[in-house]
Amino acid sequence: MTPLASRSRPGSPPDGALLPDPLPPLTSALPRQPWPGPAGPRLWLVATAAHQETVTRYAPLVLDPAELARAEEFRRPGDRATYMCAHVGLRRLLGAHLGIAPRAVLVARAPCPCCGEPHGRPVLPGGRLHFSLSHCEGLSLIAVAATPVGVDIEPVPAPETVMEAADVLHPAESAELTALAPDPGAAAFARVWTRKEAYLKGIGVGLGADPSAEYVGSGPVPSAPAGWLLADVTVPAGHRAAVALRW
């Protein structure tokens, strides 16, 4: 695995200063996406299998009590391990960017754009650094950016799942998938869905909003809603991922 990309930035604290004992890198940096200009997000991938043993040992030193309690709620060991790896990796990245210990990172919730209640996207105090986290069993995707950002990673679903869920997409997206004879393509559906969920997480509403309201497209090039940039992210086979950035 490659070292944390933030470690190479001038002024970043050395890795060993963040914990009583140095914690091996938990993330591999993904290539920068082709954003117009220098303000694009930085992306990292966390592989659960590579770090599960280390994270189990260090999680009590990194995660806050609420995160530890949430981890215990997962019934499946694989889901629990992925959650802990994702959140330990996120805290270490944010701590390195902010120059503080990972457990000292304070995360709040922005007001929901729909109702104003405090269950919008996770935010850091000050608003100068934004992040997003998504995980499925075995993999987690993290984005850090200077403006609001959203990411999503999903396994490519079974064909029957596509048939059941395609009607919740934008009508034009559903038509595009229907045109993929003889059956809607599972990979194409996953591409649409990750783009859509990345955008909805970026604006802070998640799946509480109607997924059919915005068109993001199923083709090779995303169609980003106004004021946003969208890109697919290259991840391991059998998965699809996307990132959305406000600009």
Foldseek 3Di string as FASTA:
>chain_A
DDADPLCPDPPFDDQCVQFVGRQPHQWDWADFDPDDDDFGKTKTKGFLVVCLVSLVVCLVVAADPVLVVVLVPDPDPQVSSFSSSQLSNVLSNVCRVVVHHSNPFDWFAAQAPVPRHRQFAIDGPPLQKEKEWEDDRGMIMIIIGRAQKFKYKDFQDDQVVCVVPLVLAAPVQSVVQVVPPPGRDSVLSLQQVGQLQGVCNSSGCGVVDRNRPDAQHSDQATDDDPQKDKDWGDDDPRMTMIMMGGD
